N, C-alpha and C. Protein backbone atom coordinates (compact mmCIF):
# COMPACT_ATOMS: atom_id res chain seq x y z
N UNK A 1 -94.51 6.46 58.73
CA UNK A 1 -94.50 5.08 58.32
C UNK A 1 -95.80 4.42 58.76
N UNK A 2 -96.28 3.51 57.96
CA UNK A 2 -97.55 2.88 58.26
C UNK A 2 -97.42 1.81 59.34
N UNK A 3 -96.35 1.06 59.33
CA UNK A 3 -96.17 -0.01 60.31
C UNK A 3 -94.87 0.25 61.07
N UNK A 4 -95.01 0.94 62.19
CA UNK A 4 -93.83 1.39 62.91
C UNK A 4 -94.02 1.20 64.41
N UNK A 5 -94.34 0.00 64.79
CA UNK A 5 -94.56 -0.26 66.21
C UNK A 5 -93.69 -1.42 66.66
N UNK A 6 -93.22 -1.30 67.89
CA UNK A 6 -92.43 -2.37 68.48
C UNK A 6 -93.34 -3.54 68.82
N UNK A 7 -92.80 -4.72 68.75
CA UNK A 7 -93.57 -5.90 69.15
C UNK A 7 -92.67 -6.81 69.98
N UNK A 8 -93.10 -8.04 70.19
CA UNK A 8 -92.33 -8.96 71.03
C UNK A 8 -91.00 -9.33 70.40
N UNK A 9 -90.94 -9.29 69.07
CA UNK A 9 -89.76 -9.78 68.36
C UNK A 9 -88.79 -8.69 67.94
N UNK A 10 -89.29 -7.49 67.63
CA UNK A 10 -88.39 -6.47 67.09
C UNK A 10 -88.58 -5.12 67.75
N UNK A 11 -87.59 -4.28 67.55
CA UNK A 11 -87.55 -2.96 68.17
C UNK A 11 -87.16 -1.95 67.08
N UNK A 12 -87.86 -0.82 67.02
CA UNK A 12 -87.52 0.24 66.08
C UNK A 12 -86.62 1.25 66.76
N UNK A 13 -85.51 1.58 66.13
CA UNK A 13 -84.60 2.62 66.58
C UNK A 13 -84.60 3.69 65.49
N UNK A 14 -84.96 4.92 65.84
CA UNK A 14 -85.14 5.96 64.83
C UNK A 14 -84.45 7.25 65.26
N UNK A 15 -83.85 7.94 64.28
CA UNK A 15 -83.20 9.22 64.53
C UNK A 15 -83.45 10.13 63.33
N UNK A 16 -83.44 11.42 63.58
CA UNK A 16 -83.53 12.38 62.49
C UNK A 16 -82.26 13.23 62.47
N UNK A 17 -81.95 13.77 61.31
CA UNK A 17 -80.76 14.61 61.13
C UNK A 17 -80.98 15.48 59.90
N UNK A 18 -80.19 16.52 59.78
CA UNK A 18 -80.31 17.46 58.67
C UNK A 18 -79.05 17.36 57.80
N UNK A 19 -79.25 17.43 56.49
CA UNK A 19 -78.14 17.47 55.54
C UNK A 19 -78.34 18.68 54.66
N UNK A 20 -77.26 19.44 54.48
CA UNK A 20 -77.26 20.60 53.61
C UNK A 20 -76.64 20.21 52.27
N UNK A 21 -77.20 20.72 51.19
CA UNK A 21 -76.67 20.43 49.86
C UNK A 21 -75.21 20.86 49.76
N UNK A 22 -74.87 21.97 50.36
CA UNK A 22 -73.49 22.47 50.34
C UNK A 22 -72.53 21.48 51.00
N UNK A 23 -73.00 20.77 52.02
CA UNK A 23 -72.13 19.82 52.71
C UNK A 23 -71.77 18.62 51.84
N UNK A 24 -72.58 18.34 50.81
CA UNK A 24 -72.28 17.22 49.91
C UNK A 24 -71.03 17.49 49.07
N UNK A 25 -70.64 18.76 48.98
CA UNK A 25 -69.41 19.10 48.26
C UNK A 25 -68.17 18.70 49.05
N UNK A 26 -68.30 18.68 50.38
CA UNK A 26 -67.14 18.45 51.24
C UNK A 26 -67.14 17.13 51.99
N UNK A 27 -68.31 16.47 52.07
CA UNK A 27 -68.42 15.26 52.88
C UNK A 27 -69.07 14.13 52.11
N UNK A 28 -68.66 12.91 52.46
CA UNK A 28 -69.31 11.69 52.00
C UNK A 28 -70.04 11.09 53.19
N UNK A 29 -71.26 10.64 52.97
CA UNK A 29 -72.10 10.09 54.04
C UNK A 29 -72.21 8.57 53.89
N UNK A 30 -72.02 7.88 55.02
CA UNK A 30 -72.07 6.42 55.02
C UNK A 30 -72.78 5.91 56.26
N UNK A 31 -73.39 4.74 56.12
CA UNK A 31 -73.77 3.93 57.26
C UNK A 31 -72.65 2.91 57.41
N UNK A 32 -72.07 2.83 58.58
CA UNK A 32 -70.97 1.90 58.80
C UNK A 32 -71.36 0.98 59.95
N UNK A 33 -71.26 -0.31 59.70
CA UNK A 33 -71.66 -1.32 60.69
C UNK A 33 -70.50 -2.25 61.01
N UNK A 34 -70.59 -2.83 62.17
CA UNK A 34 -69.66 -3.89 62.56
C UNK A 34 -69.97 -5.12 61.72
N UNK A 35 -69.01 -6.00 61.55
CA UNK A 35 -69.23 -7.20 60.72
C UNK A 35 -70.34 -8.09 61.26
N UNK A 36 -70.66 -7.97 62.54
CA UNK A 36 -71.73 -8.77 63.14
C UNK A 36 -73.11 -8.41 62.58
N UNK A 37 -73.19 -7.29 61.85
CA UNK A 37 -74.49 -6.86 61.30
C UNK A 37 -75.02 -7.88 60.31
N UNK A 38 -74.14 -8.63 59.67
CA UNK A 38 -74.55 -9.60 58.65
C UNK A 38 -75.45 -10.68 59.23
N UNK A 39 -75.28 -10.99 60.49
CA UNK A 39 -76.09 -12.03 61.12
C UNK A 39 -77.16 -11.47 62.05
N UNK A 40 -77.31 -10.16 62.10
CA UNK A 40 -78.24 -9.56 63.07
C UNK A 40 -79.69 -9.56 62.59
N UNK A 41 -79.92 -9.75 61.30
CA UNK A 41 -81.27 -9.74 60.72
C UNK A 41 -81.97 -8.39 60.95
N UNK A 42 -81.20 -7.31 60.87
CA UNK A 42 -81.74 -5.96 61.04
C UNK A 42 -82.09 -5.38 59.67
N UNK A 43 -83.05 -4.44 59.68
CA UNK A 43 -83.49 -3.77 58.46
C UNK A 43 -83.43 -2.26 58.69
N UNK A 44 -83.37 -1.52 57.58
CA UNK A 44 -83.29 -0.07 57.71
C UNK A 44 -84.11 0.62 56.61
N UNK A 45 -84.49 1.86 56.92
CA UNK A 45 -85.23 2.71 55.99
C UNK A 45 -84.68 4.12 56.14
N UNK A 46 -84.43 4.78 55.01
CA UNK A 46 -84.03 6.18 55.02
C UNK A 46 -85.08 6.96 54.24
N UNK A 47 -85.59 8.02 54.86
CA UNK A 47 -86.59 8.84 54.19
C UNK A 47 -86.38 10.30 54.56
N UNK A 48 -87.02 11.16 53.79
CA UNK A 48 -86.94 12.59 54.05
C UNK A 48 -88.35 13.16 54.18
N UNK A 49 -88.42 14.44 54.47
CA UNK A 49 -89.73 15.07 54.54
C UNK A 49 -90.43 15.04 53.19
N UNK A 50 -89.64 15.06 52.11
CA UNK A 50 -90.20 15.06 50.75
C UNK A 50 -90.47 13.67 50.20
N UNK A 51 -89.77 12.69 50.71
CA UNK A 51 -89.87 11.34 50.15
C UNK A 51 -90.03 10.32 51.27
N UNK A 52 -91.23 9.80 51.42
CA UNK A 52 -91.47 8.78 52.43
C UNK A 52 -91.19 7.41 51.81
N UNK A 53 -90.95 6.45 52.70
CA UNK A 53 -90.53 5.15 52.23
C UNK A 53 -90.96 4.10 53.26
N UNK A 54 -91.65 3.06 52.82
CA UNK A 54 -92.02 1.96 53.70
C UNK A 54 -91.26 0.68 53.37
N UNK A 55 -90.34 0.76 52.42
CA UNK A 55 -89.60 -0.43 51.99
C UNK A 55 -88.36 -0.63 52.85
N UNK A 56 -88.41 -1.64 53.68
CA UNK A 56 -87.27 -1.96 54.53
C UNK A 56 -86.22 -2.69 53.70
N UNK A 57 -84.97 -2.31 53.89
CA UNK A 57 -83.85 -3.01 53.26
C UNK A 57 -83.06 -3.72 54.34
N UNK A 58 -82.64 -4.91 54.02
CA UNK A 58 -81.84 -5.66 55.00
C UNK A 58 -80.49 -4.98 55.18
N UNK A 59 -80.09 -4.83 56.41
CA UNK A 59 -78.80 -4.22 56.75
C UNK A 59 -77.77 -5.35 56.82
N UNK A 60 -77.15 -5.64 55.68
CA UNK A 60 -76.25 -6.79 55.62
C UNK A 60 -74.88 -6.46 55.02
N UNK A 61 -74.59 -5.16 54.90
CA UNK A 61 -73.28 -4.73 54.41
C UNK A 61 -72.64 -3.84 55.46
N UNK A 62 -71.34 -3.92 55.57
CA UNK A 62 -70.63 -3.12 56.57
C UNK A 62 -70.57 -1.64 56.19
N UNK A 63 -70.57 -1.34 54.88
CA UNK A 63 -70.50 0.05 54.42
C UNK A 63 -71.62 0.28 53.40
N UNK A 64 -72.46 1.28 53.68
CA UNK A 64 -73.53 1.65 52.75
C UNK A 64 -73.35 3.12 52.41
N UNK A 65 -73.17 3.41 51.15
CA UNK A 65 -72.97 4.77 50.65
C UNK A 65 -74.33 5.46 50.53
N UNK A 66 -74.52 6.55 51.28
CA UNK A 66 -75.78 7.28 51.27
C UNK A 66 -75.77 8.48 50.33
N UNK A 67 -74.63 8.77 49.73
CA UNK A 67 -74.50 9.95 48.87
C UNK A 67 -75.47 9.95 47.69
N UNK A 68 -75.67 8.84 46.98
CA UNK A 68 -76.63 8.88 45.87
C UNK A 68 -78.03 9.31 46.30
N UNK A 69 -78.47 8.83 47.46
CA UNK A 69 -79.79 9.20 47.97
C UNK A 69 -79.85 10.71 48.24
N UNK A 70 -78.84 11.23 48.94
CA UNK A 70 -78.83 12.66 49.28
C UNK A 70 -78.69 13.53 48.04
N UNK A 71 -77.81 13.15 47.12
CA UNK A 71 -77.64 13.94 45.89
C UNK A 71 -78.93 14.03 45.10
N UNK A 72 -79.63 12.93 45.00
CA UNK A 72 -80.90 12.90 44.27
C UNK A 72 -81.97 13.71 45.00
N UNK A 73 -82.05 13.53 46.28
CA UNK A 73 -83.10 14.17 47.07
C UNK A 73 -82.89 15.69 47.18
N UNK A 74 -81.63 16.13 47.22
CA UNK A 74 -81.33 17.55 47.38
C UNK A 74 -81.10 18.26 46.05
N UNK A 75 -81.48 17.64 44.99
CA UNK A 75 -81.27 18.23 43.67
C UNK A 75 -81.94 19.59 43.53
N UNK A 76 -83.13 19.77 44.11
CA UNK A 76 -83.87 21.01 43.97
C UNK A 76 -84.09 21.75 45.28
N UNK A 77 -83.29 21.43 46.29
CA UNK A 77 -83.41 22.15 47.57
C UNK A 77 -82.04 22.29 48.21
N UNK A 78 -81.92 23.20 49.14
CA UNK A 78 -80.62 23.47 49.76
C UNK A 78 -80.38 22.65 51.03
N UNK A 79 -81.44 22.08 51.59
CA UNK A 79 -81.30 21.28 52.80
C UNK A 79 -82.54 20.43 52.97
N UNK A 80 -82.43 19.42 53.82
CA UNK A 80 -83.59 18.60 54.13
C UNK A 80 -83.35 17.88 55.44
N UNK A 81 -84.44 17.51 56.07
CA UNK A 81 -84.39 16.71 57.29
C UNK A 81 -84.66 15.27 56.89
N UNK A 82 -83.82 14.38 57.41
CA UNK A 82 -83.92 12.96 57.09
C UNK A 82 -84.24 12.17 58.35
N UNK A 83 -84.86 11.03 58.13
CA UNK A 83 -85.19 10.11 59.21
C UNK A 83 -84.62 8.76 58.85
N UNK A 84 -83.88 8.18 59.77
CA UNK A 84 -83.36 6.84 59.54
C UNK A 84 -84.00 5.93 60.58
N UNK A 85 -84.53 4.82 60.11
CA UNK A 85 -85.25 3.87 60.96
C UNK A 85 -84.56 2.51 60.85
N UNK A 86 -84.31 1.90 61.99
CA UNK A 86 -83.74 0.56 62.03
C UNK A 86 -84.72 -0.36 62.73
N UNK A 87 -85.01 -1.49 62.13
CA UNK A 87 -85.85 -2.51 62.74
C UNK A 87 -84.93 -3.66 63.13
N UNK A 88 -84.74 -3.82 64.44
CA UNK A 88 -83.75 -4.77 64.95
C UNK A 88 -84.44 -5.83 65.79
N UNK A 89 -84.16 -7.11 65.54
CA UNK A 89 -84.72 -8.16 66.40
C UNK A 89 -84.21 -7.99 67.83
N UNK A 90 -85.11 -8.11 68.78
CA UNK A 90 -84.73 -7.92 70.18
C UNK A 90 -83.68 -8.92 70.64
N UNK A 91 -83.71 -10.14 70.09
CA UNK A 91 -82.73 -11.13 70.52
C UNK A 91 -81.35 -10.88 69.90
N UNK A 92 -81.23 -9.96 68.93
CA UNK A 92 -79.95 -9.63 68.31
C UNK A 92 -79.55 -8.18 68.53
N UNK A 93 -80.13 -7.54 69.53
CA UNK A 93 -79.87 -6.12 69.75
C UNK A 93 -78.39 -5.87 70.03
N UNK A 94 -77.70 -6.82 70.63
CA UNK A 94 -76.27 -6.64 70.91
C UNK A 94 -75.41 -6.72 69.66
N UNK A 95 -75.94 -7.30 68.58
CA UNK A 95 -75.22 -7.37 67.31
C UNK A 95 -75.45 -6.13 66.45
N UNK A 96 -76.30 -5.23 66.91
CA UNK A 96 -76.60 -4.03 66.14
C UNK A 96 -75.59 -2.94 66.50
N UNK A 97 -74.59 -2.81 65.66
CA UNK A 97 -73.54 -1.81 65.87
C UNK A 97 -73.39 -1.05 64.56
N UNK A 98 -74.09 0.07 64.45
CA UNK A 98 -74.11 0.85 63.22
C UNK A 98 -74.04 2.34 63.55
N UNK A 99 -73.28 3.08 62.76
CA UNK A 99 -73.18 4.53 62.92
C UNK A 99 -73.40 5.20 61.58
N UNK A 100 -73.92 6.41 61.63
CA UNK A 100 -74.04 7.26 60.45
C UNK A 100 -72.91 8.27 60.54
N UNK A 101 -72.07 8.36 59.50
CA UNK A 101 -70.92 9.25 59.55
C UNK A 101 -70.86 10.13 58.31
N UNK A 102 -70.31 11.31 58.50
CA UNK A 102 -69.97 12.22 57.41
C UNK A 102 -68.45 12.35 57.44
N UNK A 103 -67.81 11.94 56.36
CA UNK A 103 -66.35 11.90 56.31
C UNK A 103 -65.88 12.92 55.28
N UNK A 104 -64.89 13.76 55.64
CA UNK A 104 -64.37 14.72 54.65
C UNK A 104 -63.91 14.01 53.38
N UNK A 105 -64.30 14.55 52.24
CA UNK A 105 -63.98 13.92 50.95
C UNK A 105 -62.49 13.73 50.74
N UNK A 106 -61.66 14.61 51.29
CA UNK A 106 -60.23 14.50 51.06
C UNK A 106 -59.59 13.29 51.76
N UNK A 107 -60.29 12.67 52.69
CA UNK A 107 -59.72 11.46 53.31
C UNK A 107 -60.52 10.19 53.02
N UNK A 108 -61.67 10.32 52.39
CA UNK A 108 -62.50 9.14 52.12
C UNK A 108 -61.77 8.11 51.27
N UNK A 109 -61.15 8.54 50.18
CA UNK A 109 -60.46 7.60 49.30
C UNK A 109 -59.33 6.87 50.00
N UNK A 110 -58.59 7.59 50.86
CA UNK A 110 -57.50 6.95 51.61
C UNK A 110 -58.04 5.89 52.56
N UNK A 111 -59.12 6.22 53.25
CA UNK A 111 -59.72 5.25 54.18
C UNK A 111 -60.23 4.03 53.43
N UNK A 112 -60.87 4.26 52.29
CA UNK A 112 -61.42 3.14 51.51
C UNK A 112 -60.30 2.28 50.93
N UNK A 113 -59.28 2.90 50.35
CA UNK A 113 -58.22 2.12 49.71
C UNK A 113 -57.38 1.36 50.72
N UNK A 114 -57.28 1.85 51.94
CA UNK A 114 -56.51 1.15 52.97
C UNK A 114 -57.39 0.27 53.86
N UNK A 115 -58.66 0.11 53.46
CA UNK A 115 -59.60 -0.74 54.20
C UNK A 115 -59.71 -0.30 55.67
N UNK A 116 -59.73 0.99 55.90
CA UNK A 116 -59.79 1.53 57.27
C UNK A 116 -61.16 2.10 57.63
N UNK A 117 -62.09 2.06 56.72
CA UNK A 117 -63.42 2.56 57.01
C UNK A 117 -64.18 1.47 57.75
N UNK A 118 -63.96 1.40 59.06
CA UNK A 118 -64.49 0.33 59.91
C UNK A 118 -65.28 0.93 61.06
N UNK A 119 -66.21 0.15 61.57
CA UNK A 119 -67.05 0.58 62.69
C UNK A 119 -66.21 0.92 63.91
N UNK A 120 -65.19 0.11 64.21
CA UNK A 120 -64.39 0.31 65.42
C UNK A 120 -63.73 1.69 65.48
N UNK A 121 -63.45 2.27 64.32
CA UNK A 121 -62.83 3.59 64.29
C UNK A 121 -63.76 4.66 64.87
N UNK A 122 -65.07 4.45 64.77
CA UNK A 122 -66.05 5.47 65.16
C UNK A 122 -66.71 5.22 66.52
N UNK A 123 -66.43 4.08 67.14
CA UNK A 123 -67.10 3.83 68.41
C UNK A 123 -66.42 4.61 69.54
N UNK A 124 -67.17 4.86 70.58
CA UNK A 124 -66.68 5.59 71.74
C UNK A 124 -65.71 4.69 72.49
N UNK A 125 -64.57 5.27 72.85
CA UNK A 125 -63.56 4.50 73.56
C UNK A 125 -63.12 5.27 74.79
N UNK A 126 -62.73 4.55 75.82
CA UNK A 126 -62.20 5.18 77.02
C UNK A 126 -60.81 5.72 76.75
N UNK A 127 -60.54 6.89 77.30
CA UNK A 127 -59.24 7.52 77.13
C UNK A 127 -58.76 7.98 78.49
N UNK A 128 -57.49 7.78 78.76
CA UNK A 128 -56.88 8.27 80.00
C UNK A 128 -55.87 9.34 79.64
N UNK A 129 -55.98 10.49 80.29
CA UNK A 129 -55.04 11.58 80.08
C UNK A 129 -54.18 11.71 81.32
N UNK A 130 -52.92 12.02 81.11
CA UNK A 130 -52.00 12.30 82.21
C UNK A 130 -51.64 13.78 82.09
N UNK A 131 -51.93 14.52 83.15
CA UNK A 131 -51.62 15.93 83.13
C UNK A 131 -50.50 16.17 84.12
N UNK A 132 -49.45 16.78 83.63
CA UNK A 132 -48.32 17.13 84.49
C UNK A 132 -48.24 18.63 84.60
N UNK A 133 -47.99 19.08 85.81
CA UNK A 133 -47.91 20.54 86.04
C UNK A 133 -46.70 20.85 86.86
N UNK A 134 -46.24 22.03 86.68
CA UNK A 134 -45.16 22.52 87.53
C UNK A 134 -45.34 24.03 87.67
N UNK A 135 -44.71 24.59 88.67
CA UNK A 135 -44.79 26.04 88.84
C UNK A 135 -43.43 26.53 89.28
N UNK A 136 -43.20 27.79 89.05
CA UNK A 136 -41.90 28.38 89.42
C UNK A 136 -42.09 29.35 90.53
């Protein structure tokens, strides 16, 4: 990217990941954000090794379907490495709650139709286990 430096106002958060063309048969890929993303004034860019992109898009929807991008990009290859970049204002960093998920196709429609495809489902939560043992 040509302009990819942190400044006083914003912070870049970037990650890379690999997608296989075969996995598109079994999984749907989404960016899922908390509803607070609408007021966070964050932007995002998705690019691959084959296709660079400097056009930031405002991150203002809770669910963004990434499948069209991957289907198009993997049309003539079996896999690719992708880079996702988020430009987040430093004063709204606490409102930036977004995850990239791959959901099995057999449950995607159920989650969508029941309005259950939410950020809270994917966040890390504390769990307490109780283990009981006995011996003879």
